[in-house]
Amino acid sequence: DSADVVLVKSDPSDVIRFIDIAKATTKKMIENLWWGAGYNLIA
């Protein structure tokens, strides 16, 4: 309950998987921010 992420399988190597997913997620966030803000820049 104090953590931000829980490794359900209790396998610390899943930390690597989380980091990789986080990088892909952040990339999508930035793309979406450009799409969302880009509308405003034009509109």
PDB file of all heavy atoms in Angstrom:
ATOM      1  N   ASP A   1       0.811  -1.212   0.000  1.00  0.00           N
ATOM      2  CA  ASP A   1       0.000   0.000   0.000  1.00  0.00           C
ATOM      3  C   ASP A   1       0.848   1.267   0.000  1.00  0.00           C
ATOM      4  O   ASP A   1       0.329   2.355  -0.234  1.00  0.00           O
ATOM      5  CB  ASP A   1      -0.947   0.003   1.205  1.00  0.00           C
ATOM      6  CG  ASP A   1      -2.087  -0.987   1.032  1.00  0.00           C
ATOM      7  OD1 ASP A   1      -2.389  -1.312  -0.124  1.00  0.00           O
ATOM      8  OD2 ASP A   1      -2.651  -1.435   2.034  1.00  0.00           O
ATOM      9  N   SER A   2       2.132   1.149   0.275  1.00  0.00           N
ATOM     10  CA  SER A   2       3.022   2.309   0.249  1.00  0.00           C
ATOM     11  C   SER A   2       3.695   2.449  -1.114  1.00  0.00           C
ATOM     12  O   SER A   2       4.378   3.435  -1.358  1.00  0.00           O
ATOM     13  CB  SER A   2       4.106   2.172   1.327  1.00  0.00           C
ATOM     14  OG  SER A   2       3.543   2.076   2.599  1.00  0.00           O
ATOM     15  N   ALA A   3       3.505   1.466  -1.981  1.00  0.00           N
ATOM     16  CA  ALA A   3       4.229   1.419  -3.247  1.00  0.00           C
ATOM     17  C   ALA A   3       3.428   2.031  -4.381  1.00  0.00           C
ATOM     18  O   ALA A   3       2.212   2.190  -4.310  1.00  0.00           O
ATOM     19  CB  ALA A   3       4.596  -0.027  -3.579  1.00  0.00           C
ATOM     20  N   ASP A   4       4.140   2.374  -5.456  1.00  0.00           N
ATOM     21  CA  ASP A   4       3.517   2.865  -6.677  1.00  0.00           C
ATOM     22  C   ASP A   4       3.236   1.721  -7.635  1.00  0.00           C
ATOM     23  O   ASP A   4       2.321   1.784  -8.448  1.00  0.00           O
ATOM     24  CB  ASP A   4       4.438   3.879  -7.364  1.00  0.00           C
ATOM     25  CG  ASP A   4       4.798   5.030  -6.449  1.00  0.00           C
ATOM     26  OD1 ASP A   4       3.877   5.673  -5.932  1.00  0.00           O
ATOM     27  OD2 ASP A   4       6.003   5.270  -6.239  1.00  0.00           O
ATOM     28  N   VAL A   5       4.063   0.678  -7.549  1.00  0.00           N
ATOM     29  CA  VAL A   5       3.947  -0.479  -8.441  1.00  0.00           C
ATOM     30  C   VAL A   5       4.073  -1.747  -7.610  1.00  0.00           C
ATOM     31  O   VAL A   5       4.897  -1.810  -6.694  1.00  0.00           O
ATOM     32  CB  VAL A   5       5.057  -0.464  -9.527  1.00  0.00           C
ATOM     33  CG1 VAL A   5       4.898  -1.637 -10.488  1.00  0.00           C
ATOM     34  CG2 VAL A   5       5.040   0.852 -10.289  1.00  0.00           C
ATOM     35  N   VAL A   6       3.251  -2.747  -7.913  1.00  0.00           N
ATOM     36  CA  VAL A   6       3.316  -4.026  -7.219  1.00  0.00           C
ATOM     37  C   VAL A   6       3.666  -5.110  -8.230  1.00  0.00           C
ATOM     38  O   VAL A   6       3.024  -5.225  -9.277  1.00  0.00           O
ATOM     39  CB  VAL A   6       1.978  -4.369  -6.535  1.00  0.00           C
ATOM     40  CG1 VAL A   6       2.055  -5.733  -5.856  1.00  0.00           C
ATOM     41  CG2 VAL A   6       1.609  -3.298  -5.518  1.00  0.00           C
ATOM     42  N   LEU A   7       4.685  -5.900  -7.919  1.00  0.00           N
ATOM     43  CA  LEU A   7       5.070  -7.039  -8.760  1.00  0.00           C
ATOM     44  C   LEU A   7       4.252  -8.244  -8.313  1.00  0.00           C
ATOM     45  O   LEU A   7       4.587  -8.919  -7.351  1.00  0.00           O
ATOM     46  CB  LEU A   7       6.569  -7.326  -8.629  1.00  0.00           C
ATOM     47  CG  LEU A   7       7.506  -6.130  -8.857  1.00  0.00           C
ATOM     48  CD1 LEU A   7       8.965  -6.587  -8.767  1.00  0.00           C
ATOM     49  CD2 LEU A   7       7.238  -5.473 -10.201  1.00  0.00           C
ATOM     50  N   VAL A   8       3.159  -8.507  -9.007  1.00  0.00           N
ATOM     51  CA  VAL A   8       2.215  -9.535  -8.592  1.00  0.00           C
ATOM     52  C   VAL A   8       2.872 -10.904  -8.523  1.00  0.00           C
ATOM     53  O   VAL A   8       2.559 -11.711  -7.643  1.00  0.00           O
ATOM     54  CB  VAL A   8       1.011  -9.564  -9.556  1.00  0.00           C
ATOM     55  CG1 VAL A   8       0.037 -10.663  -9.171  1.00  0.00           C
ATOM     56  CG2 VAL A   8       0.309  -8.212  -9.563  1.00  0.00           C
ATOM     57  N   LYS A   9       3.785 -11.181  -9.427  1.00  0.00           N
ATOM     58  CA  LYS A   9       4.434 -12.494  -9.473  1.00  0.00           C
ATOM     59  C   LYS A   9       5.607 -12.602  -8.495  1.00  0.00           C
ATOM     60  O   LYS A   9       6.274 -13.633  -8.449  1.00  0.00           O
ATOM     61  CB  LYS A   9       4.935 -12.780 -10.894  1.00  0.00           C
ATOM     62  CG  LYS A   9       3.825 -12.823 -11.938  1.00  0.00           C
ATOM     63  CD  LYS A   9       4.410 -13.027 -13.329  1.00  0.00           C
ATOM     64  CE  LYS A   9       3.319 -13.009 -14.388  1.00  0.00           C
ATOM     65  NZ  LYS A   9       3.885 -13.137 -15.766  1.00  0.00           N
ATOM     66  N   SER A  10       5.848 -11.538  -7.737  1.00  0.00           N
ATOM     67  CA  SER A  10       6.947 -11.507  -6.764  1.00  0.00           C
ATOM     68  C   SER A  10       8.300 -11.787  -7.412  1.00  0.00           C
ATOM     69  O   SER A  10       9.202 -12.343  -6.783  1.00  0.00           O
ATOM     70  CB  SER A  10       6.684 -12.519  -5.635  1.00  0.00           C
ATOM     71  OG  SER A  10       5.499 -12.214  -4.952  1.00  0.00           O
ATOM     72  N   ASP A  11       8.433 -11.389  -8.657  1.00  0.00           N
ATOM     73  CA  ASP A  11       9.678 -11.590  -9.390  1.00  0.00           C
ATOM     74  C   ASP A  11      10.325 -10.232  -9.637  1.00  0.00           C
ATOM     75  O   ASP A  11       9.809  -9.430 -10.425  1.00  0.00           O
ATOM     76  CB  ASP A  11       9.394 -12.291 -10.720  1.00  0.00           C
ATOM     77  CG  ASP A  11      10.663 -12.629 -11.482  1.00  0.00           C
ATOM     78  OD1 ASP A  11      11.758 -12.235 -11.025  1.00  0.00           O
ATOM     79  OD2 ASP A  11      10.560 -13.291 -12.526  1.00  0.00           O
ATOM     80  N   PRO A  12      11.461  -9.937  -8.975  1.00  0.00           N
ATOM     81  CA  PRO A  12      12.085  -8.616  -9.147  1.00  0.00           C
ATOM     82  C   PRO A  12      12.518  -8.325 -10.579  1.00  0.00           C
ATOM     83  O   PRO A  12      12.658  -7.161 -10.948  1.00  0.00           O
ATOM     84  CB  PRO A  12      13.292  -8.668  -8.190  1.00  0.00           C
ATOM     85  CG  PRO A  12      13.528 -10.109  -7.930  1.00  0.00           C
ATOM     86  CD  PRO A  12      12.202 -10.787  -8.026  1.00  0.00           C
ATOM     87  N   SER A  13      12.718  -9.366 -11.381  1.00  0.00           N
ATOM     88  CA  SER A  13      13.108  -9.127 -12.768  1.00  0.00           C
ATOM     89  C   SER A  13      11.990  -8.445 -13.557  1.00  0.00           C
ATOM     90  O   SER A  13      12.232  -7.878 -14.629  1.00  0.00           O
ATOM     91  CB  SER A  13      13.504 -10.440 -13.456  1.00  0.00           C
ATOM     92  OG  SER A  13      12.418 -11.333 -13.518  1.00  0.00           O
ATOM     93  N   ASP A  14      10.763  -8.469 -13.015  1.00  0.00           N
ATOM     94  CA  ASP A  14       9.661  -7.754 -13.656  1.00  0.00           C
ATOM     95  C   ASP A  14       9.864  -6.245 -13.593  1.00  0.00           C
ATOM     96  O   ASP A  14       9.150  -5.498 -14.277  1.00  0.00           O
ATOM     97  CB  ASP A  14       8.327  -8.121 -13.002  1.00  0.00           C
ATOM     98  CG  ASP A  14       7.807  -9.473 -13.467  1.00  0.00           C
ATOM     99  OD1 ASP A  14       8.284  -9.958 -14.509  1.00  0.00           O
ATOM    100  OD2 ASP A  14       6.938 -10.050 -12.788  1.00  0.00           O
ATOM    101  N   VAL A  15      10.804  -5.800 -12.766  1.00  0.00           N
ATOM    102  CA  VAL A  15      11.138  -4.372 -12.729  1.00  0.00           C
ATOM    103  C   VAL A  15      11.606  -3.920 -14.110  1.00  0.00           C
ATOM    104  O   VAL A  15      11.269  -2.816 -14.571  1.00  0.00           O
ATOM    105  CB  VAL A  15      12.229  -4.093 -11.672  1.00  0.00           C
ATOM    106  CG1 VAL A  15      12.727  -2.653 -11.778  1.00  0.00           C
ATOM    107  CG2 VAL A  15      11.699  -4.367 -10.274  1.00  0.00           C
ATOM    108  N   ILE A  16      12.368  -4.769 -14.794  1.00  0.00           N
ATOM    109  CA  ILE A  16      12.855  -4.454 -16.136  1.00  0.00           C
ATOM    110  C   ILE A  16      11.677  -4.301 -17.092  1.00  0.00           C
ATOM    111  O   ILE A  16      11.629  -3.360 -17.895  1.00  0.00           O
ATOM    112  CB  ILE A  16      13.811  -5.550 -16.639  1.00  0.00           C
ATOM    113  CG1 ILE A  16      15.001  -5.705 -15.685  1.00  0.00           C
ATOM    114  CG2 ILE A  16      14.274  -5.239 -18.052  1.00  0.00           C
ATOM    115  CD1 ILE A  16      15.860  -4.478 -15.568  1.00  0.00           C
ATOM    116  N   ARG A  17      10.705  -5.207 -16.978  1.00  0.00           N
ATOM    117  CA  ARG A  17       9.526  -5.129 -17.842  1.00  0.00           C
ATOM    118  C   ARG A  17       8.753  -3.839 -17.574  1.00  0.00           C
ATOM    119  O   ARG A  17       8.275  -3.187 -18.504  1.00  0.00           O
ATOM    120  CB  ARG A  17       8.630  -6.350 -17.619  1.00  0.00           C
ATOM    121  CG  ARG A  17       7.394  -6.367 -18.532  1.00  0.00           C
ATOM    122  CD  ARG A  17       6.581  -7.635 -18.362  1.00  0.00           C
ATOM    123  NE  ARG A  17       7.279  -8.791 -18.892  1.00  0.00           N
ATOM    124  CZ  ARG A  17       7.813  -9.753 -18.146  1.00  0.00           C
ATOM    125  NH1 ARG A  17       7.735  -9.683 -16.830  1.00  0.00           N
ATOM    126  NH2 ARG A  17       8.427 -10.771 -18.702  1.00  0.00           N
ATOM    127  N   PHE A  18       8.660  -3.478 -16.306  1.00  0.00           N
ATOM    128  CA  PHE A  18       7.956  -2.239 -15.963  1.00  0.00           C
ATOM    129  C   PHE A  18       8.660  -1.026 -16.563  1.00  0.00           C
ATOM    130  O   PHE A  18       8.003  -0.123 -17.102  1.00  0.00           O
ATOM    131  CB  PHE A  18       7.862  -2.079 -14.448  1.00  0.00           C
ATOM    132  CG  PHE A  18       7.429  -0.714 -14.012  1.00  0.00           C
ATOM    133  CD1 PHE A  18       6.152  -0.254 -14.272  1.00  0.00           C
ATOM    134  CD2 PHE A  18       8.324   0.142 -13.365  1.00  0.00           C
ATOM    135  CE1 PHE A  18       5.748   1.020 -13.887  1.00  0.00           C
ATOM    136  CE2 PHE A  18       7.937   1.407 -12.984  1.00  0.00           C
ATOM    137  CZ  PHE A  18       6.648   1.852 -13.248  1.00  0.00           C
ATOM    138  N   ILE A  19       9.967  -0.981 -16.479  1.00  0.00           N
ATOM    139  CA  ILE A  19      10.722   0.146 -17.034  1.00  0.00           C
ATOM    140  C   ILE A  19      10.504   0.244 -18.538  1.00  0.00           C
ATOM    141  O   ILE A  19      10.304   1.335 -19.086  1.00  0.00           O
ATOM    142  CB  ILE A  19      12.221   0.005 -16.707  1.00  0.00           C
ATOM    143  CG1 ILE A  19      12.441   0.167 -15.198  1.00  0.00           C
ATOM    144  CG2 ILE A  19      13.048   1.031 -17.477  1.00  0.00           C
ATOM    145  CD1 ILE A  19      13.862  -0.113 -14.749  1.00  0.00           C
ATOM    146  N   ASP A  20      10.507  -0.896 -19.230  1.00  0.00           N
ATOM    147  CA  ASP A  20      10.295  -0.896 -20.684  1.00  0.00           C
ATOM    148  C   ASP A  20       8.887  -0.427 -21.034  1.00  0.00           C
ATOM    149  O   ASP A  20       8.694   0.364 -21.977  1.00  0.00           O
ATOM    150  CB  ASP A  20      10.542  -2.301 -21.252  1.00  0.00           C
ATOM    151  CG  ASP A  20      12.008  -2.714 -21.154  1.00  0.00           C
ATOM    152  OD1 ASP A  20      12.864  -1.818 -20.990  1.00  0.00           O
ATOM    153  OD2 ASP A  20      12.294  -3.926 -21.240  1.00  0.00           O
ATOM    154  N   ILE A  21       7.882  -0.908 -20.279  1.00  0.00           N
ATOM    155  CA  ILE A  21       6.505  -0.469 -20.529  1.00  0.00           C
ATOM    156  C   ILE A  21       6.369   1.018 -20.226  1.00  0.00           C
ATOM    157  O   ILE A  21       5.681   1.756 -20.943  1.00  0.00           O
ATOM    158  CB  ILE A  21       5.518  -1.284 -19.672  1.00  0.00           C
ATOM    159  CG1 ILE A  21       5.461  -2.733 -20.163  1.00  0.00           C
ATOM    160  CG2 ILE A  21       4.116  -0.670 -19.722  1.00  0.00           C
ATOM    161  CD1 ILE A  21       4.582  -3.637 -19.322  1.00  0.00           C
ATOM    162  N   ALA A  22       7.040   1.466 -19.165  1.00  0.00           N
ATOM    163  CA  ALA A  22       6.973   2.880 -18.792  1.00  0.00           C
ATOM    164  C   ALA A  22       7.535   3.767 -19.903  1.00  0.00           C
ATOM    165  O   ALA A  22       6.976   4.839 -20.202  1.00  0.00           O
ATOM    166  CB  ALA A  22       7.737   3.108 -17.494  1.00  0.00           C
ATOM    167  N   LYS A  23       8.622   3.338 -20.522  1.00  0.00           N
ATOM    168  CA  LYS A  23       9.208   4.128 -21.606  1.00  0.00           C
ATOM    169  C   LYS A  23       8.259   4.203 -22.802  1.00  0.00           C
ATOM    170  O   LYS A  23       8.080   5.279 -23.401  1.00  0.00           O
ATOM    171  CB  LYS A  23      10.554   3.525 -22.020  1.00  0.00           C
ATOM    172  CG  LYS A  23      11.656   3.729 -20.983  1.00  0.00           C
ATOM    173  CD  LYS A  23      12.972   3.144 -21.460  1.00  0.00           C
ATOM    174  CE  LYS A  23      14.079   3.405 -20.425  1.00  0.00           C
ATOM    175  NZ  LYS A  23      15.384   2.831 -20.850  1.00  0.00           N
ATOM    176  N   ALA A  24       7.640   3.070 -23.140  1.00  0.00           N
ATOM    177  CA  ALA A  24       6.689   3.063 -24.254  1.00  0.00           C
ATOM    178  C   ALA A  24       5.475   3.923 -23.917  1.00  0.00           C
ATOM    179  O   ALA A  24       4.939   4.640 -24.777  1.00  0.00           O
ATOM    180  CB  ALA A  24       6.259   1.627 -24.560  1.00  0.00           C
ATOM    181  N   THR A  25       5.032   3.860 -22.662  1.00  0.00           N
ATOM    182  CA  THR A  25       3.881   4.644 -22.223  1.00  0.00           C
ATOM    183  C   THR A  25       4.168   6.141 -22.284  1.00  0.00           C
ATOM    184  O   THR A  25       3.348   6.939 -22.758  1.00  0.00           O
ATOM    185  CB  THR A  25       3.478   4.253 -20.792  1.00  0.00           C
ATOM    186  OG1 THR A  25       3.131   2.868 -20.758  1.00  0.00           O
ATOM    187  CG2 THR A  25       2.294   5.069 -20.306  1.00  0.00           C
ATOM    188  N   THR A  26       5.329   6.522 -21.787  1.00  0.00           N
ATOM    189  CA  THR A  26       5.703   7.935 -21.791  1.00  0.00           C
ATOM    190  C   THR A  26       5.804   8.479 -23.213  1.00  0.00           C
ATOM    191  O   THR A  26       5.412   9.626 -23.485  1.00  0.00           O
ATOM    192  CB  THR A  26       7.042   8.134 -21.058  1.00  0.00           C
ATOM    193  OG1 THR A  26       6.916   7.656 -19.713  1.00  0.00           O
ATOM    194  CG2 THR A  26       7.446   9.591 -21.033  1.00  0.00           C
ATOM    195  N   LYS A  27       6.292   7.648 -24.125  1.00  0.00           N
ATOM    196  CA  LYS A  27       6.366   8.059 -25.529  1.00  0.00           C
ATOM    197  C   LYS A  27       4.967   8.358 -26.071  1.00  0.00           C
ATOM    198  O   LYS A  27       4.752   9.371 -26.751  1.00  0.00           O
ATOM    199  CB  LYS A  27       7.026   6.959 -26.353  1.00  0.00           C
ATOM    200  CG  LYS A  27       7.165   7.298 -27.826  1.00  0.00           C
ATOM    201  CD  LYS A  27       7.817   6.158 -28.600  1.00  0.00           C
ATOM    202  CE  LYS A  27       7.897   6.484 -30.089  1.00  0.00           C
ATOM    203  NZ  LYS A  27       8.481   5.362 -30.865  1.00  0.00           N
ATOM    204  N   LYS A  28       4.001   7.479 -25.731  1.00  0.00           N
ATOM    205  CA  LYS A  28       2.625   7.694 -26.174  1.00  0.00           C
ATOM    206  C   LYS A  28       2.016   8.936 -25.513  1.00  0.00           C
ATOM    207  O   LYS A  28       1.232   9.667 -26.121  1.00  0.00           O
ATOM    208  CB  LYS A  28       1.768   6.473 -25.856  1.00  0.00           C
ATOM    209  CG  LYS A  28       2.025   5.288 -26.756  1.00  0.00           C
ATOM    210  CD  LYS A  28       1.653   5.598 -28.201  1.00  0.00           C
ATOM    211  CE  LYS A  28       1.973   4.444 -29.114  1.00  0.00           C
ATOM    212  NZ  LYS A  28       1.743   4.795 -30.551  1.00  0.00           N
ATOM    213  N   MET A  29       2.363   9.163 -24.255  1.00  0.00           N
ATOM    214  CA  MET A  29       1.871  10.352 -23.563  1.00  0.00           C
ATOM    215  C   MET A  29       2.321  11.624 -24.287  1.00  0.00           C
ATOM    216  O   MET A  29       1.518  12.539 -24.512  1.00  0.00           O
ATOM    217  CB  MET A  29       2.399  10.380 -22.126  1.00  0.00           C
ATOM    218  CG  MET A  29       1.740   9.410 -21.178  1.00  0.00           C
ATOM    219  SD  MET A  29       2.478   9.581 -19.535  1.00  0.00           S
ATOM    220  CE  MET A  29       1.490   8.414 -18.605  1.00  0.00           C
ATOM    221  N   ILE A  30       3.588  11.656 -24.644  1.00  0.00           N
ATOM    222  CA  ILE A  30       4.130  12.841 -25.313  1.00  0.00           C
ATOM    223  C   ILE A  30       3.459  13.033 -26.670  1.00  0.00           C
ATOM    224  O   ILE A  30       3.096  14.152 -27.063  1.00  0.00           O
ATOM    225  CB  ILE A  30       5.654  12.713 -25.460  1.00  0.00           C
ATOM    226  CG1 ILE A  30       6.318  12.724 -24.073  1.00  0.00           C
ATOM    227  CG2 ILE A  30       6.211  13.835 -26.328  1.00  0.00           C
ATOM    228  CD1 ILE A  30       7.800  12.427 -24.098  1.00  0.00           C
ATOM    229  N   GLU A  31       3.286  11.921 -27.407  1.00  0.00           N
ATOM    230  CA  GLU A  31       2.599  12.006 -28.699  1.00  0.00           C
ATOM    231  C   GLU A  31       1.184  12.552 -28.530  1.00  0.00           C
ATOM    232  O   GLU A  31       0.736  13.414 -29.290  1.00  0.00           O
ATOM    233  CB  GLU A  31       2.548  10.623 -29.351  1.00  0.00           C
ATOM    234  CG  GLU A  31       3.899  10.111 -29.818  1.00  0.00           C
ATOM    235  CD  GLU A  31       3.835   8.679 -30.311  1.00  0.00           C
ATOM    236  OE1 GLU A  31       2.741   8.071 -30.253  1.00  0.00           O
ATOM    237  OE2 GLU A  31       4.880   8.152 -30.745  1.00  0.00           O
ATOM    238  N   ASN A  32       0.462  12.044 -27.522  1.00  0.00           N
ATOM    239  CA  ASN A  32      -0.910  12.499 -27.303  1.00  0.00           C
ATOM    240  C   ASN A  32      -0.974  13.956 -26.857  1.00  0.00           C
ATOM    241  O   ASN A  32      -1.918  14.675 -27.187  1.00  0.00           O
ATOM    242  CB  ASN A  32      -1.598  11.600 -26.277  1.00  0.00           C
ATOM    243  CG  ASN A  32      -2.335  10.447 -26.931  1.00  0.00           C
ATOM    244  OD1 ASN A  32      -2.193  10.216 -28.134  1.00  0.00           O
ATOM    245  ND2 ASN A  32      -3.121   9.713 -26.165  1.00  0.00           N
ATOM    246  N   LEU A  33       0.028  14.360 -26.079  1.00  0.00           N
ATOM    247  CA  LEU A  33       0.064  15.763 -25.673  1.00  0.00           C
ATOM    248  C   LEU A  33       0.243  16.677 -26.885  1.00  0.00           C
ATOM    249  O   LEU A  33      -0.351  17.753 -26.962  1.00  0.00           O
ATOM    250  CB  LEU A  33       1.186  15.992 -24.662  1.00  0.00           C
ATOM    251  CG  LEU A  33       0.919  15.490 -23.237  1.00  0.00           C
ATOM    252  CD1 LEU A  33       2.151  15.669 -22.372  1.00  0.00           C
ATOM    253  CD2 LEU A  33      -0.262  16.247 -22.622  1.00  0.00           C
ATOM    254  N   TRP A  34       1.051  16.237 -27.838  1.00  0.00           N
ATOM    255  CA  TRP A  34       1.239  17.030 -29.053  1.00  0.00           C
ATOM    256  C   TRP A  34      -0.046  17.070 -29.878  1.00  0.00           C
ATOM    257  O   TRP A  34      -0.402  18.110 -30.430  1.00  0.00           O
ATOM    258  CB  TRP A  34       2.390  16.476 -29.888  1.00  0.00           C
ATOM    259  CG  TRP A  34       3.723  17.007 -29.446  1.00  0.00           C
ATOM    260  CD1 TRP A  34       4.719  16.344 -28.801  1.00  0.00           C
ATOM    261  CD2 TRP A  34       4.183  18.344 -29.618  1.00  0.00           C
ATOM    262  NE1 TRP A  34       5.774  17.174 -28.541  1.00  0.00           N
ATOM    263  CE2 TRP A  34       5.483  18.421 -29.041  1.00  0.00           C
ATOM    264  CE3 TRP A  34       3.643  19.501 -30.188  1.00  0.00           C
ATOM    265  CZ2 TRP A  34       6.231  19.586 -29.030  1.00  0.00           C
ATOM    266  CZ3 TRP A  34       4.396  20.666 -30.185  1.00  0.00           C
ATOM    267  CH2 TRP A  34       5.673  20.699 -29.608  1.00  0.00           C
ATOM    268  N   TRP A  35      -0.733  15.914 -29.940  1.00  0.00           N
ATOM    269  CA  TRP A  35      -2.009  15.902 -30.663  1.00  0.00           C
ATOM    270  C   TRP A  35      -3.025  16.807 -29.970  1.00  0.00           C
ATOM    271  O   TRP A  35      -3.746  17.563 -30.609  1.00  0.00           O
ATOM    272  CB  TRP A  35      -2.559  14.482 -30.750  1.00  0.00           C
ATOM    273  CG  TRP A  35      -1.945  13.630 -31.824  1.00  0.00           C
ATOM    274  CD1 TRP A  35      -1.134  12.547 -31.644  1.00  0.00           C
ATOM    275  CD2 TRP A  35      -2.081  13.811 -33.234  1.00  0.00           C
ATOM    276  NE1 TRP A  35      -0.749  12.039 -32.864  1.00  0.00           N
ATOM    277  CE2 TRP A  35      -1.314  12.797 -33.860  1.00  0.00           C
ATOM    278  CE3 TRP A  35      -2.760  14.739 -34.037  1.00  0.00           C
ATOM    279  CZ2 TRP A  35      -1.229  12.675 -35.242  1.00  0.00           C
ATOM    280  CZ3 TRP A  35      -2.672  14.615 -35.426  1.00  0.00           C
ATOM    281  CH2 TRP A  35      -1.917  13.595 -36.010  1.00  0.00           C
ATOM    282  N   GLY A  36      -3.106  16.687 -28.642  1.00  0.00           N
ATOM    283  CA  GLY A  36      -4.082  17.482 -27.894  1.00  0.00           C
ATOM    284  C   GLY A  36      -3.774  18.962 -27.917  1.00  0.00           C
ATOM    285  O   GLY A  36      -4.654  19.804 -28.169  1.00  0.00           O
ATOM    286  N   ALA A  37      -2.499  19.285 -27.666  1.00  0.00           N
ATOM    287  CA  ALA A  37      -2.105  20.691 -27.654  1.00  0.00           C
ATOM    288  C   ALA A  37      -2.009  21.244 -29.068  1.00  0.00           C
ATOM    289  O   ALA A  37      -2.240  22.443 -29.300  1.00  0.00           O
ATOM    290  CB  ALA A  37      -0.766  20.844 -26.933  1.00  0.00           C
ATOM    291  N   GLY A  38      -1.671  20.355 -30.023  1.00  0.00           N
ATOM    292  CA  GLY A  38      -1.561  20.796 -31.417  1.00  0.00           C
ATOM    293  C   GLY A  38      -2.872  21.345 -31.944  1.00  0.00           C
ATOM    294  O   GLY A  38      -2.892  22.321 -32.720  1.00  0.00           O
ATOM    295  N   TYR A  39      -3.960  20.731 -31.525  1.00  0.00           N
ATOM    296  CA  TYR A  39      -5.279  21.251 -31.905  1.00  0.00           C
ATOM    297  C   TYR A  39      -5.427  22.700 -31.445  1.00  0.00           C
ATOM    298  O   TYR A  39      -5.896  23.563 -32.196  1.00  0.00           O
ATOM    299  CB  TYR A  39      -6.373  20.368 -31.286  1.00  0.00           C
ATOM    300  CG  TYR A  39      -7.665  21.101 -31.033  1.00  0.00           C
ATOM    301  CD1 TYR A  39      -8.557  21.343 -32.067  1.00  0.00           C
ATOM    302  CD2 TYR A  39      -7.980  21.573 -29.763  1.00  0.00           C
ATOM    303  CE1 TYR A  39      -9.739  22.032 -31.841  1.00  0.00           C
ATOM    304  CE2 TYR A  39      -9.152  22.264 -29.525  1.00  0.00           C
ATOM    305  CZ  TYR A  39     -10.032  22.494 -30.574  1.00  0.00           C
ATOM    306  OH  TYR A  39     -11.190  23.185 -30.348  1.00  0.00           O
ATOM    307  N   ASN A  40      -5.028  22.959 -30.214  1.00  0.00           N
ATOM    308  CA  ASN A  40      -5.154  24.321 -29.684  1.00  0.00           C
ATOM    309  C   ASN A  40      -4.241  25.306 -30.414  1.00  0.00           C
ATOM    310  O   ASN A  40      -4.600  26.467 -30.619  1.00  0.00           O
ATOM    311  CB  ASN A  40      -4.823  24.339 -28.191  1.00  0.00           C
ATOM    312  CG  ASN A  40      -5.832  23.562 -27.368  1.00  0.00           C
ATOM    313  OD1 ASN A  40      -5.723  22.351 -27.236  1.00  0.00           O
ATOM    314  ND2 ASN A  40      -6.824  24.244 -26.817  1.00  0.00           N
ATOM    315  N   LEU A  41      -3.046  24.832 -30.774  1.00  0.00           N
ATOM    316  CA  LEU A  41      -2.106  25.709 -31.474  1.00  0.00           C
ATOM    317  C   LEU A  41      -2.669  26.185 -32.809  1.00  0.00           C
ATOM    318  O   LEU A  41      -2.355  27.279 -33.288  1.00  0.00           O
ATOM    319  CB  LEU A  41      -0.776  24.975 -31.693  1.00  0.00           C
ATOM    320  CG  LEU A  41       0.015  24.631 -30.428  1.00  0.00           C
ATOM    321  CD1 LEU A  41       1.261  23.828 -30.779  1.00  0.00           C
ATOM    322  CD2 LEU A  41       0.396  25.901 -29.678  1.00  0.00           C
ATOM    323  N   ILE A  42      -3.501  25.326 -33.427  1.00  0.00           N
ATOM    324  CA  ILE A  42      -4.113  25.698 -34.707  1.00  0.00           C
ATOM    325  C   ILE A  42      -5.448  26.416 -34.498  1.00  0.00           C
ATOM    326  O   ILE A  42      -5.731  27.436 -35.128  1.00  0.00           O
ATOM    327  CB  ILE A  42      -4.326  24.438 -35.577  1.00  0.00           C
ATOM    328  CG1 ILE A  42      -2.972  23.801 -35.922  1.00  0.00           C
ATOM    329  CG2 ILE A  42      -5.105  24.779 -36.843  1.00  0.00           C
ATOM    330  CD1 ILE A  42      -3.083  22.467 -36.620  1.00  0.00           C
ATOM    331  N   ALA A  43      -6.262  25.861 -33.567  1.00  0.00           N
ATOM    332  CA  ALA A  43      -7.632  26.356 -33.412  1.00  0.00           C
ATOM    333  C   ALA A  43      -7.705  27.743 -32.778  1.00  0.00           C
ATOM    334  O   ALA A  43      -8.539  28.567 -33.177  1.00  0.00           O
ATOM    335  CB  ALA A  43      -8.450  25.364 -32.585  1.00  0.00           C
TER     336      ALA A  43
END
